């Protein structure tokens, strides 16, 4: 469990103490994209630099994690300092199936938590709603920059097909000048194209 202390803004004596299991923080972070929970987890794991180093130890290199959620809310330009290529973030997600990262129970917990994601239903999951495929995913959503562009509207996930096969997909949209709805539709359209190609053409391997 994590103990989180916060002083109120109107009384420096009053302290709030919240006890919350790490599993619940992960639920908030993954399923609801809760930024507060994300930063609490960063503090618990040693900060952004430690998280960056750990991911690099897995062989993932074309990315950077150097700012917390609070940093990015304080300075929108800091959003550009956290980045990844789609291939790298998809490769990292695929490791939930292809590599033993943690004890099995924890790895399975992360998969199930992603399968129950409540955000971004108009993104990667949208074209799969009328299929028997299951999707576990994690979204990322930014504010608009000073030019009025959506800095980053993202979604990464794994798709489990009824025949036991799977694939991983990441769609990252940077500096979109479109509306949120149209930007999410771009992600959904790419997801649909990939799904129908792989399923119709039977191009999915055993993984």
N, C-alpha and C. Protein backbone atom coordinates (compact mmCIF):
# COMPACT_ATOMS: atom_id res chain seq x y z
N UNK A 1 0.83 -1.19 0.00
CA UNK A 1 0.00 0.00 0.00
C UNK A 1 0.88 1.25 0.00
N UNK A 2 0.35 2.33 -0.53
CA UNK A 2 1.06 3.60 -0.54
C UNK A 2 0.34 4.57 0.37
N UNK A 3 1.09 5.28 1.20
CA UNK A 3 0.51 6.33 2.03
C UNK A 3 0.79 7.65 1.35
N UNK A 4 -0.25 8.43 1.12
CA UNK A 4 -0.10 9.71 0.42
C UNK A 4 -0.57 10.82 1.33
N UNK A 5 0.33 11.73 1.71
CA UNK A 5 0.00 12.86 2.58
C UNK A 5 -0.11 14.13 1.76
N UNK A 6 -1.10 14.92 2.04
CA UNK A 6 -1.28 16.20 1.35
C UNK A 6 -1.80 17.25 2.31
N UNK A 7 -1.10 18.38 2.38
CA UNK A 7 -1.57 19.48 3.20
C UNK A 7 -2.60 20.29 2.43
N UNK A 8 -3.63 20.70 3.11
CA UNK A 8 -4.64 21.52 2.45
C UNK A 8 -4.08 22.90 2.17
N UNK A 9 -4.66 23.59 1.20
CA UNK A 9 -4.18 24.91 0.84
C UNK A 9 -4.62 25.98 1.84
N UNK A 10 -5.62 25.66 2.68
CA UNK A 10 -6.15 26.68 3.59
C UNK A 10 -5.76 26.46 5.05
N UNK A 11 -5.08 25.38 5.32
CA UNK A 11 -4.68 25.12 6.71
C UNK A 11 -3.45 24.25 6.70
N UNK A 12 -2.30 24.82 7.06
CA UNK A 12 -1.04 24.09 7.00
C UNK A 12 -0.93 23.02 8.08
N UNK A 13 -1.87 23.02 9.01
CA UNK A 13 -1.82 22.03 10.08
C UNK A 13 -2.58 20.77 9.69
N UNK A 14 -3.66 20.94 8.98
CA UNK A 14 -4.48 19.80 8.59
C UNK A 14 -3.75 18.94 7.56
N UNK A 15 -3.71 17.64 7.79
CA UNK A 15 -3.07 16.72 6.86
C UNK A 15 -4.06 15.62 6.50
N UNK A 16 -4.17 15.35 5.21
CA UNK A 16 -5.02 14.24 4.75
C UNK A 16 -4.12 13.03 4.58
N UNK A 17 -4.56 11.91 5.07
CA UNK A 17 -3.81 10.66 4.90
C UNK A 17 -4.70 9.67 4.17
N UNK A 18 -4.21 9.23 3.02
CA UNK A 18 -4.97 8.29 2.20
C UNK A 18 -4.14 7.02 2.05
N UNK A 19 -4.73 5.89 2.36
CA UNK A 19 -4.09 4.60 2.16
C UNK A 19 -4.74 3.94 0.95
N UNK A 20 -3.93 3.58 -0.03
CA UNK A 20 -4.48 3.01 -1.25
C UNK A 20 -3.57 1.90 -1.77
N UNK A 21 -4.11 0.73 -2.06
CA UNK A 21 -3.28 -0.35 -2.61
C UNK A 21 -2.69 0.05 -3.96
N UNK A 22 -1.50 -0.45 -4.25
CA UNK A 22 -0.88 -0.16 -5.54
C UNK A 22 -1.78 -0.63 -6.68
N UNK A 23 -2.46 -1.76 -6.48
CA UNK A 23 -3.36 -2.26 -7.52
C UNK A 23 -4.44 -1.24 -7.86
N UNK A 24 -4.94 -0.53 -6.86
CA UNK A 24 -5.97 0.47 -7.12
C UNK A 24 -5.40 1.67 -7.85
N UNK A 25 -4.18 2.06 -7.50
CA UNK A 25 -3.53 3.15 -8.23
C UNK A 25 -3.32 2.77 -9.69
N UNK A 26 -2.94 1.53 -9.94
CA UNK A 26 -2.78 1.07 -11.32
C UNK A 26 -4.11 1.07 -12.06
N UNK A 27 -5.17 0.69 -11.36
CA UNK A 27 -6.50 0.76 -11.97
C UNK A 27 -6.81 2.19 -12.43
N UNK A 28 -6.58 3.14 -11.52
CA UNK A 28 -6.85 4.55 -11.85
C UNK A 28 -5.98 5.01 -13.03
N UNK A 29 -4.70 4.62 -12.99
CA UNK A 29 -3.77 5.08 -14.02
C UNK A 29 -4.08 4.47 -15.38
N UNK A 30 -4.28 3.15 -15.43
CA UNK A 30 -4.46 2.45 -16.70
C UNK A 30 -5.89 2.55 -17.21
N UNK A 31 -6.85 2.32 -16.34
CA UNK A 31 -8.24 2.27 -16.80
C UNK A 31 -8.87 3.64 -16.96
N UNK A 32 -8.43 4.61 -16.16
CA UNK A 32 -9.07 5.93 -16.19
C UNK A 32 -8.09 7.05 -16.54
N UNK A 33 -6.84 6.70 -16.83
CA UNK A 33 -5.80 7.69 -17.16
C UNK A 33 -5.71 8.79 -16.11
N UNK A 34 -5.72 8.41 -14.85
CA UNK A 34 -5.65 9.38 -13.76
C UNK A 34 -4.21 9.87 -13.58
N UNK A 35 -4.02 11.17 -13.79
CA UNK A 35 -2.67 11.74 -13.73
C UNK A 35 -2.10 11.77 -12.32
N UNK A 36 -2.95 12.01 -11.32
CA UNK A 36 -2.47 12.03 -9.93
C UNK A 36 -1.92 10.67 -9.53
N UNK A 37 -2.65 9.61 -9.89
CA UNK A 37 -2.20 8.25 -9.57
C UNK A 37 -0.88 7.95 -10.27
N UNK A 38 -0.75 8.42 -11.50
CA UNK A 38 0.48 8.20 -12.26
C UNK A 38 1.68 8.80 -11.55
N UNK A 39 1.55 10.05 -11.08
CA UNK A 39 2.67 10.70 -10.41
C UNK A 39 2.98 10.08 -9.06
N UNK A 40 1.96 9.61 -8.35
CA UNK A 40 2.20 8.91 -7.09
C UNK A 40 3.01 7.63 -7.34
N UNK A 41 2.68 6.93 -8.42
CA UNK A 41 3.42 5.72 -8.77
C UNK A 41 4.85 6.05 -9.18
N UNK A 42 5.04 7.16 -9.90
CA UNK A 42 6.40 7.59 -10.23
C UNK A 42 7.21 7.79 -8.95
N UNK A 43 6.64 8.47 -7.97
CA UNK A 43 7.34 8.71 -6.71
C UNK A 43 7.67 7.40 -6.00
N UNK A 44 6.75 6.46 -6.07
CA UNK A 44 6.93 5.19 -5.38
C UNK A 44 8.03 4.35 -6.03
N UNK A 45 8.13 4.43 -7.36
CA UNK A 45 9.09 3.57 -8.08
C UNK A 45 10.46 4.20 -8.24
N UNK A 46 10.63 5.45 -7.77
CA UNK A 46 11.94 6.07 -7.85
C UNK A 46 12.03 7.22 -8.83
N UNK A 47 10.91 7.58 -9.45
CA UNK A 47 10.90 8.75 -10.32
C UNK A 47 11.00 8.41 -11.80
N UNK A 48 10.92 9.45 -12.62
CA UNK A 48 10.89 9.25 -14.07
C UNK A 48 12.22 8.69 -14.60
N UNK A 49 13.33 9.10 -14.02
CA UNK A 49 14.63 8.63 -14.52
C UNK A 49 14.80 7.14 -14.28
N UNK A 50 14.35 6.67 -13.12
CA UNK A 50 14.44 5.24 -12.84
C UNK A 50 13.53 4.46 -13.77
N UNK A 51 12.33 4.97 -14.01
CA UNK A 51 11.39 4.30 -14.92
C UNK A 51 11.98 4.24 -16.33
N UNK A 52 12.56 5.34 -16.76
CA UNK A 52 13.21 5.39 -18.08
C UNK A 52 14.32 4.34 -18.17
N UNK A 53 15.15 4.26 -17.13
CA UNK A 53 16.27 3.31 -17.12
C UNK A 53 15.78 1.87 -17.15
N UNK A 54 14.71 1.59 -16.38
CA UNK A 54 14.19 0.22 -16.34
C UNK A 54 13.70 -0.22 -17.72
N UNK A 55 12.98 0.66 -18.40
CA UNK A 55 12.46 0.30 -19.72
C UNK A 55 13.60 0.09 -20.71
N UNK A 56 14.65 0.90 -20.61
CA UNK A 56 15.81 0.72 -21.47
C UNK A 56 16.50 -0.62 -21.21
N UNK A 57 16.45 -1.08 -19.96
CA UNK A 57 17.06 -2.37 -19.63
C UNK A 57 16.35 -3.53 -20.33
N UNK A 58 15.15 -3.28 -20.83
CA UNK A 58 14.39 -4.32 -21.54
C UNK A 58 14.71 -4.33 -23.03
N UNK A 59 15.58 -3.42 -23.46
CA UNK A 59 15.94 -3.35 -24.88
C UNK A 59 15.11 -2.35 -25.67
N UNK A 60 14.34 -1.54 -24.98
CA UNK A 60 13.53 -0.49 -25.62
C UNK A 60 14.33 0.81 -25.51
N UNK A 61 14.59 1.47 -26.66
CA UNK A 61 15.50 2.62 -26.63
C UNK A 61 14.96 3.89 -27.28
N UNK A 62 14.09 3.78 -28.26
CA UNK A 62 13.64 4.96 -28.99
C UNK A 62 12.44 5.61 -28.29
N UNK A 63 12.70 6.15 -27.12
CA UNK A 63 11.67 6.79 -26.31
C UNK A 63 12.38 7.65 -25.26
N UNK A 64 11.60 8.44 -24.54
CA UNK A 64 12.14 9.19 -23.41
C UNK A 64 11.04 9.45 -22.39
N UNK A 65 11.34 9.19 -21.13
CA UNK A 65 10.45 9.57 -20.03
C UNK A 65 11.27 10.45 -19.10
N UNK A 66 10.98 11.75 -19.10
CA UNK A 66 11.78 12.68 -18.29
C UNK A 66 10.92 13.66 -17.50
N UNK A 67 9.60 13.64 -17.72
CA UNK A 67 8.71 14.58 -17.06
C UNK A 67 7.54 13.85 -16.40
N UNK A 68 7.12 14.37 -15.25
CA UNK A 68 5.92 13.84 -14.59
C UNK A 68 4.69 14.49 -15.21
N UNK A 69 3.53 13.98 -14.83
CA UNK A 69 2.28 14.60 -15.29
C UNK A 69 2.18 16.03 -14.77
N UNK A 70 2.61 16.24 -13.54
CA UNK A 70 2.56 17.58 -12.96
C UNK A 70 3.48 18.54 -13.72
N UNK A 71 4.67 18.05 -14.10
CA UNK A 71 5.59 18.86 -14.90
C UNK A 71 4.93 19.32 -16.19
N UNK A 72 4.21 18.41 -16.83
CA UNK A 72 3.61 18.72 -18.12
C UNK A 72 2.42 19.66 -17.99
N UNK A 73 1.74 19.59 -16.86
CA UNK A 73 0.64 20.54 -16.63
C UNK A 73 1.17 21.93 -16.30
N UNK A 74 2.34 21.98 -15.67
CA UNK A 74 2.95 23.26 -15.36
C UNK A 74 3.50 23.94 -16.61
N UNK A 75 4.02 23.13 -17.53
CA UNK A 75 4.62 23.67 -18.75
C UNK A 75 4.27 22.75 -19.91
N UNK A 76 3.35 23.19 -20.77
CA UNK A 76 2.89 22.35 -21.88
C UNK A 76 4.03 21.91 -22.78
N UNK A 77 5.04 22.73 -22.92
CA UNK A 77 6.17 22.37 -23.79
C UNK A 77 6.88 21.12 -23.29
N UNK A 78 6.77 20.84 -22.00
CA UNK A 78 7.41 19.64 -21.43
C UNK A 78 6.80 18.36 -21.97
N UNK A 79 5.59 18.45 -22.50
CA UNK A 79 4.94 17.26 -23.08
C UNK A 79 5.79 16.64 -24.18
N UNK A 80 6.50 17.48 -24.92
CA UNK A 80 7.30 16.98 -26.04
C UNK A 80 8.56 16.25 -25.57
N UNK A 81 8.89 16.37 -24.29
CA UNK A 81 10.07 15.70 -23.77
C UNK A 81 9.80 14.25 -23.36
N UNK A 82 8.52 13.90 -23.23
CA UNK A 82 8.13 12.50 -23.06
C UNK A 82 7.66 12.00 -24.43
N UNK A 83 8.35 11.04 -24.99
CA UNK A 83 7.99 10.61 -26.34
C UNK A 83 8.37 9.15 -26.57
N UNK A 84 7.82 8.58 -27.62
CA UNK A 84 8.18 7.23 -28.04
C UNK A 84 7.82 7.07 -29.50
N UNK A 85 8.53 6.19 -30.19
CA UNK A 85 8.07 5.78 -31.51
C UNK A 85 6.93 4.79 -31.31
N UNK A 86 6.01 4.69 -32.27
CA UNK A 86 4.94 3.68 -32.14
C UNK A 86 5.48 2.26 -32.01
N UNK A 87 6.54 1.94 -32.77
CA UNK A 87 7.09 0.59 -32.73
C UNK A 87 7.60 0.23 -31.35
N UNK A 88 8.29 1.17 -30.70
CA UNK A 88 8.85 0.87 -29.39
C UNK A 88 7.76 0.65 -28.34
N UNK A 89 6.74 1.49 -28.35
CA UNK A 89 5.69 1.33 -27.33
C UNK A 89 4.86 0.08 -27.61
N UNK A 90 4.72 -0.28 -28.89
CA UNK A 90 4.03 -1.54 -29.22
C UNK A 90 4.87 -2.73 -28.78
N UNK A 91 6.19 -2.63 -28.98
CA UNK A 91 7.10 -3.71 -28.57
C UNK A 91 7.07 -3.90 -27.06
N UNK A 92 7.04 -2.79 -26.33
CA UNK A 92 6.98 -2.87 -24.87
C UNK A 92 5.67 -3.53 -24.42
N UNK A 93 4.57 -3.17 -25.05
CA UNK A 93 3.28 -3.77 -24.71
C UNK A 93 3.28 -5.26 -25.01
N UNK A 94 3.90 -5.65 -26.12
CA UNK A 94 3.94 -7.06 -26.50
C UNK A 94 4.72 -7.90 -25.49
N UNK A 95 5.62 -7.27 -24.75
CA UNK A 95 6.40 -8.01 -23.76
C UNK A 95 5.54 -8.57 -22.65
N UNK A 96 4.32 -8.06 -22.48
CA UNK A 96 3.41 -8.64 -21.49
C UNK A 96 3.10 -10.09 -21.83
N UNK A 97 3.29 -10.45 -23.11
CA UNK A 97 3.02 -11.81 -23.56
C UNK A 97 4.29 -12.59 -23.89
N UNK A 98 5.31 -11.88 -24.35
CA UNK A 98 6.49 -12.56 -24.88
C UNK A 98 7.66 -12.64 -23.91
N UNK A 99 7.59 -11.95 -22.79
CA UNK A 99 8.73 -11.89 -21.86
C UNK A 99 8.23 -11.95 -20.43
N UNK A 100 8.99 -12.60 -19.57
CA UNK A 100 8.64 -12.64 -18.16
C UNK A 100 9.20 -11.39 -17.48
N UNK A 101 8.36 -10.39 -17.33
CA UNK A 101 8.76 -9.13 -16.71
C UNK A 101 8.63 -9.17 -15.20
N UNK A 102 7.56 -9.81 -14.74
CA UNK A 102 7.24 -9.90 -13.31
C UNK A 102 6.69 -11.29 -13.04
N UNK A 103 6.44 -11.61 -11.77
CA UNK A 103 5.74 -12.86 -11.48
C UNK A 103 4.43 -12.92 -12.26
N UNK A 104 4.03 -14.11 -12.66
CA UNK A 104 2.87 -14.30 -13.55
C UNK A 104 1.62 -13.59 -13.05
N UNK A 105 1.37 -13.63 -11.75
CA UNK A 105 0.14 -13.02 -11.23
C UNK A 105 0.11 -11.52 -11.47
N UNK A 106 1.27 -10.87 -11.39
CA UNK A 106 1.33 -9.43 -11.63
C UNK A 106 1.19 -9.11 -13.11
N UNK A 107 1.83 -9.94 -13.93
CA UNK A 107 1.74 -9.72 -15.37
C UNK A 107 0.30 -9.92 -15.85
N UNK A 108 -0.36 -10.93 -15.33
CA UNK A 108 -1.76 -11.17 -15.69
C UNK A 108 -2.65 -10.05 -15.19
N UNK A 109 -2.31 -9.49 -14.02
CA UNK A 109 -3.09 -8.37 -13.50
C UNK A 109 -3.03 -7.18 -14.45
N UNK A 110 -1.83 -6.88 -14.97
CA UNK A 110 -1.69 -5.77 -15.90
C UNK A 110 -2.50 -6.01 -17.17
N UNK A 111 -2.48 -7.23 -17.67
CA UNK A 111 -3.26 -7.55 -18.88
C UNK A 111 -4.75 -7.34 -18.62
N UNK A 112 -5.24 -7.87 -17.50
CA UNK A 112 -6.66 -7.75 -17.20
C UNK A 112 -7.05 -6.29 -16.97
N UNK A 113 -6.16 -5.53 -16.35
CA UNK A 113 -6.45 -4.11 -16.13
C UNK A 113 -6.57 -3.38 -17.46
N UNK A 114 -5.70 -3.69 -18.41
CA UNK A 114 -5.78 -3.08 -19.73
C UNK A 114 -7.03 -3.54 -20.48
N UNK A 115 -7.43 -4.77 -20.28
CA UNK A 115 -8.64 -5.29 -20.94
C UNK A 115 -9.89 -4.58 -20.44
N UNK A 116 -9.79 -3.96 -19.27
CA UNK A 116 -10.94 -3.25 -18.70
C UNK A 116 -10.78 -1.74 -18.75
N UNK A 117 -9.94 -1.26 -19.66
CA UNK A 117 -9.73 0.18 -19.82
C UNK A 117 -11.05 0.87 -20.14
N UNK A 118 -11.30 2.00 -19.49
CA UNK A 118 -12.57 2.73 -19.66
C UNK A 118 -12.43 4.00 -20.49
N UNK A 119 -11.22 4.33 -20.92
CA UNK A 119 -11.02 5.54 -21.71
C UNK A 119 -10.77 5.18 -23.17
N UNK A 120 -10.96 6.15 -24.05
CA UNK A 120 -10.61 5.97 -25.46
C UNK A 120 -11.43 4.93 -26.20
N UNK A 121 -12.69 4.77 -25.84
CA UNK A 121 -13.51 3.77 -26.53
C UNK A 121 -13.74 4.12 -28.00
N UNK A 122 -13.51 5.39 -28.37
CA UNK A 122 -13.65 5.80 -29.77
C UNK A 122 -12.34 5.69 -30.54
N UNK A 123 -11.33 5.11 -29.91
CA UNK A 123 -10.02 4.98 -30.56
C UNK A 123 -9.80 3.54 -31.04
N UNK A 124 -8.78 2.86 -30.56
CA UNK A 124 -8.49 1.50 -31.03
C UNK A 124 -9.67 0.54 -30.90
N UNK A 125 -10.46 0.60 -29.81
CA UNK A 125 -11.54 -0.38 -29.66
C UNK A 125 -12.71 -0.19 -30.62
N UNK A 126 -12.90 1.01 -31.16
CA UNK A 126 -14.13 1.33 -31.89
C UNK A 126 -14.46 0.33 -33.00
N UNK A 127 -13.54 -0.02 -33.91
CA UNK A 127 -13.90 -0.93 -34.99
C UNK A 127 -14.03 -2.39 -34.56
N UNK A 128 -13.69 -2.68 -33.30
CA UNK A 128 -13.73 -4.06 -32.81
C UNK A 128 -15.00 -4.36 -32.02
N UNK A 129 -15.85 -3.36 -31.83
CA UNK A 129 -17.01 -3.51 -30.96
C UNK A 129 -17.97 -4.58 -31.44
N UNK A 130 -18.10 -4.76 -32.75
CA UNK A 130 -19.03 -5.74 -33.30
C UNK A 130 -18.33 -7.04 -33.66
N UNK A 131 -17.14 -7.25 -33.14
CA UNK A 131 -16.39 -8.49 -33.40
C UNK A 131 -16.27 -9.29 -32.11
N UNK A 132 -15.67 -10.45 -32.21
CA UNK A 132 -15.44 -11.28 -31.02
C UNK A 132 -14.03 -11.09 -30.47
N UNK A 133 -13.29 -10.14 -31.02
CA UNK A 133 -11.95 -9.85 -30.53
C UNK A 133 -12.04 -9.11 -29.20
N UNK A 134 -11.01 -9.28 -28.37
CA UNK A 134 -10.90 -8.54 -27.11
C UNK A 134 -9.69 -7.63 -27.20
N UNK A 135 -9.83 -6.43 -26.66
CA UNK A 135 -8.71 -5.49 -26.71
C UNK A 135 -8.38 -4.99 -25.30
N UNK A 136 -7.09 -5.01 -25.01
CA UNK A 136 -6.57 -4.36 -23.81
C UNK A 136 -5.75 -3.18 -24.29
N UNK A 137 -5.96 -2.01 -23.71
CA UNK A 137 -5.25 -0.85 -24.24
C UNK A 137 -5.04 0.21 -23.17
N UNK A 138 -4.23 1.21 -23.52
CA UNK A 138 -3.93 2.34 -22.65
C UNK A 138 -3.87 3.59 -23.51
N UNK A 139 -4.62 4.60 -23.11
CA UNK A 139 -4.67 5.84 -23.88
C UNK A 139 -3.74 6.89 -23.31
N UNK A 140 -3.48 7.89 -24.12
CA UNK A 140 -2.76 9.09 -23.69
C UNK A 140 -3.43 10.29 -24.33
N UNK A 141 -3.71 11.30 -23.53
CA UNK A 141 -4.45 12.47 -24.04
C UNK A 141 -3.82 13.75 -23.52
N UNK A 142 -3.51 14.66 -24.42
CA UNK A 142 -2.88 15.92 -24.04
C UNK A 142 -3.85 17.09 -24.14
N UNK A 143 -3.35 18.24 -23.71
CA UNK A 143 -4.04 19.50 -23.97
C UNK A 143 -3.61 20.01 -25.34
N UNK A 144 -4.13 21.17 -25.72
CA UNK A 144 -3.69 21.81 -26.96
C UNK A 144 -2.52 22.75 -26.66
N UNK A 145 -1.59 22.86 -27.62
CA UNK A 145 -0.48 23.79 -27.46
C UNK A 145 -0.91 25.21 -27.83
N UNK A 146 0.02 26.14 -27.81
CA UNK A 146 -0.33 27.54 -28.06
C UNK A 146 -0.82 27.76 -29.48
N UNK A 147 -0.50 26.83 -30.39
CA UNK A 147 -0.99 26.93 -31.77
C UNK A 147 -2.38 26.33 -31.91
N UNK A 148 -2.91 25.78 -30.81
CA UNK A 148 -4.23 25.18 -30.85
C UNK A 148 -4.23 23.73 -31.31
N UNK A 149 -3.05 23.12 -31.39
CA UNK A 149 -2.93 21.73 -31.83
C UNK A 149 -3.00 20.79 -30.62
N UNK A 150 -3.62 19.65 -30.80
CA UNK A 150 -3.62 18.60 -29.78
C UNK A 150 -2.23 17.98 -29.78
N UNK A 151 -1.50 18.16 -28.69
CA UNK A 151 -0.09 17.75 -28.64
C UNK A 151 0.07 16.26 -28.88
N UNK A 152 -0.72 15.46 -28.22
CA UNK A 152 -0.62 14.01 -28.42
C UNK A 152 -1.91 13.31 -28.05
N UNK A 153 -2.50 12.62 -29.00
CA UNK A 153 -3.68 11.79 -28.75
C UNK A 153 -3.28 10.38 -29.16
N UNK A 154 -3.17 9.49 -28.21
CA UNK A 154 -2.53 8.20 -28.45
C UNK A 154 -3.36 7.03 -27.93
N UNK A 155 -3.06 5.87 -28.44
CA UNK A 155 -3.64 4.64 -27.91
C UNK A 155 -2.73 3.48 -28.30
N UNK A 156 -2.43 2.61 -27.35
CA UNK A 156 -1.64 1.42 -27.60
C UNK A 156 -2.35 0.24 -26.96
N UNK A 157 -2.35 -0.89 -27.64
CA UNK A 157 -3.04 -2.04 -27.06
C UNK A 157 -2.68 -3.36 -27.71
N UNK A 158 -3.22 -4.42 -27.13
CA UNK A 158 -3.10 -5.76 -27.70
C UNK A 158 -4.49 -6.26 -28.02
N UNK A 159 -4.59 -7.01 -29.10
CA UNK A 159 -5.88 -7.55 -29.53
C UNK A 159 -5.81 -9.07 -29.48
N UNK A 160 -6.74 -9.67 -28.75
CA UNK A 160 -6.82 -11.12 -28.61
C UNK A 160 -7.94 -11.62 -29.51
N UNK A 161 -7.61 -12.52 -30.44
CA UNK A 161 -8.59 -13.05 -31.38
C UNK A 161 -9.14 -14.38 -30.88
N UNK A 162 -10.34 -14.75 -31.32
CA UNK A 162 -10.98 -15.98 -30.82
C UNK A 162 -10.17 -17.25 -31.08
N UNK A 163 -9.34 -17.24 -32.13
CA UNK A 163 -8.56 -18.44 -32.45
C UNK A 163 -7.27 -18.53 -31.63
N UNK A 164 -7.10 -17.62 -30.67
CA UNK A 164 -5.93 -17.68 -29.81
C UNK A 164 -4.76 -16.84 -30.28
N UNK A 165 -4.86 -16.28 -31.47
CA UNK A 165 -3.78 -15.43 -31.98
C UNK A 165 -3.95 -14.00 -31.46
N UNK A 166 -2.94 -13.20 -31.62
CA UNK A 166 -2.98 -11.83 -31.11
C UNK A 166 -2.08 -10.94 -31.93
N UNK A 167 -2.27 -9.65 -31.76
CA UNK A 167 -1.34 -8.68 -32.32
C UNK A 167 -1.35 -7.43 -31.44
N UNK A 168 -0.31 -6.63 -31.57
CA UNK A 168 -0.16 -5.41 -30.79
C UNK A 168 -0.13 -4.22 -31.74
N UNK A 169 -0.76 -3.12 -31.34
CA UNK A 169 -0.85 -1.95 -32.19
C UNK A 169 -0.70 -0.68 -31.36
N UNK A 170 -0.02 0.31 -31.94
CA UNK A 170 0.11 1.62 -31.31
C UNK A 170 -0.12 2.69 -32.37
N UNK A 171 -0.98 3.64 -32.06
CA UNK A 171 -1.23 4.77 -32.95
C UNK A 171 -1.04 6.04 -32.13
N UNK A 172 -0.05 6.85 -32.52
CA UNK A 172 0.27 8.08 -31.82
C UNK A 172 0.06 9.25 -32.78
N UNK A 173 -0.84 10.15 -32.44
CA UNK A 173 -1.13 11.30 -33.29
C UNK A 173 -0.57 12.55 -32.62
N UNK A 174 0.36 13.21 -33.30
CA UNK A 174 1.05 14.37 -32.74
C UNK A 174 0.58 15.66 -33.41
N UNK A 175 0.38 16.70 -32.61
CA UNK A 175 0.05 18.04 -33.10
C UNK A 175 -1.12 18.04 -34.07
N UNK A 176 -2.19 17.41 -33.67
CA UNK A 176 -3.38 17.35 -34.52
C UNK A 176 -4.10 18.69 -34.55
N UNK A 177 -4.44 19.13 -35.74
CA UNK A 177 -5.23 20.35 -35.89
C UNK A 177 -6.72 20.04 -35.98
N UNK A 178 -7.06 18.75 -35.93
CA UNK A 178 -8.45 18.33 -36.03
C UNK A 178 -9.13 18.44 -34.66
N UNK A 179 -10.44 18.24 -34.65
CA UNK A 179 -11.17 18.17 -33.39
C UNK A 179 -10.78 16.89 -32.67
N UNK A 180 -11.12 16.80 -31.39
CA UNK A 180 -10.84 15.57 -30.64
C UNK A 180 -11.56 14.39 -31.29
N UNK A 181 -12.82 14.58 -31.67
CA UNK A 181 -13.59 13.49 -32.27
C UNK A 181 -12.95 13.01 -33.56
N UNK A 182 -12.51 13.92 -34.41
CA UNK A 182 -11.90 13.53 -35.68
C UNK A 182 -10.53 12.91 -35.48
N UNK A 183 -9.79 13.39 -34.47
CA UNK A 183 -8.48 12.80 -34.18
C UNK A 183 -8.65 11.37 -33.69
N UNK A 184 -9.62 11.14 -32.81
CA UNK A 184 -9.89 9.78 -32.35
C UNK A 184 -10.35 8.89 -33.50
N UNK A 185 -11.07 9.47 -34.45
CA UNK A 185 -11.53 8.70 -35.61
C UNK A 185 -10.35 8.25 -36.47
N UNK A 186 -9.31 9.07 -36.55
CA UNK A 186 -8.10 8.67 -37.27
C UNK A 186 -7.52 7.40 -36.66
N UNK A 187 -7.43 7.38 -35.33
CA UNK A 187 -6.92 6.20 -34.64
C UNK A 187 -7.82 5.00 -34.89
N UNK A 188 -9.14 5.20 -34.80
CA UNK A 188 -10.09 4.11 -35.02
C UNK A 188 -9.99 3.56 -36.44
N UNK A 189 -9.84 4.45 -37.41
CA UNK A 189 -9.74 4.00 -38.81
C UNK A 189 -8.50 3.15 -39.03
N UNK A 190 -7.37 3.57 -38.46
CA UNK A 190 -6.14 2.78 -38.58
C UNK A 190 -6.33 1.42 -37.92
N UNK A 191 -6.94 1.42 -36.74
CA UNK A 191 -7.19 0.17 -36.03
C UNK A 191 -8.04 -0.77 -36.87
N UNK A 192 -9.09 -0.23 -37.52
CA UNK A 192 -9.97 -1.05 -38.34
C UNK A 192 -9.27 -1.62 -39.55
N UNK A 193 -8.42 -0.79 -40.19
CA UNK A 193 -7.68 -1.26 -41.38
C UNK A 193 -6.76 -2.41 -41.01
N UNK A 194 -6.04 -2.26 -39.89
CA UNK A 194 -5.11 -3.31 -39.45
C UNK A 194 -5.87 -4.58 -39.11
N UNK A 195 -6.95 -4.46 -38.35
CA UNK A 195 -7.73 -5.64 -37.96
C UNK A 195 -8.25 -6.39 -39.18
N UNK A 196 -8.89 -5.69 -40.09
CA UNK A 196 -9.50 -6.36 -41.25
C UNK A 196 -8.44 -6.95 -42.17
N UNK A 197 -7.30 -6.29 -42.30
CA UNK A 197 -6.23 -6.84 -43.12
C UNK A 197 -5.69 -8.14 -42.53
N UNK A 198 -5.37 -8.08 -41.24
CA UNK A 198 -4.77 -9.25 -40.61
C UNK A 198 -5.74 -10.43 -40.53
N UNK A 199 -7.00 -10.15 -40.25
CA UNK A 199 -7.98 -11.23 -40.12
C UNK A 199 -8.38 -11.77 -41.50
N UNK A 200 -8.71 -10.88 -42.42
CA UNK A 200 -9.18 -11.30 -43.74
C UNK A 200 -8.10 -12.02 -44.53
N UNK A 201 -6.87 -11.51 -44.45
CA UNK A 201 -5.79 -12.10 -45.21
C UNK A 201 -5.07 -13.21 -44.46
N UNK A 202 -5.50 -13.43 -43.19
CA UNK A 202 -4.90 -14.48 -42.36
C UNK A 202 -3.38 -14.28 -42.27
N UNK A 203 -3.02 -13.03 -42.03
CA UNK A 203 -1.59 -12.71 -41.98
C UNK A 203 -1.02 -12.73 -40.57
N UNK A 204 -1.84 -13.11 -39.59
CA UNK A 204 -1.35 -13.12 -38.21
C UNK A 204 -0.58 -14.42 -37.94
N UNK A 205 0.59 -14.28 -37.37
CA UNK A 205 1.38 -15.46 -37.02
C UNK A 205 0.81 -16.07 -35.73
N UNK A 206 1.53 -16.98 -35.15
CA UNK A 206 1.05 -17.62 -33.92
C UNK A 206 1.12 -16.70 -32.72
N UNK A 207 1.68 -15.50 -32.88
CA UNK A 207 1.70 -14.58 -31.75
C UNK A 207 1.05 -13.27 -32.14
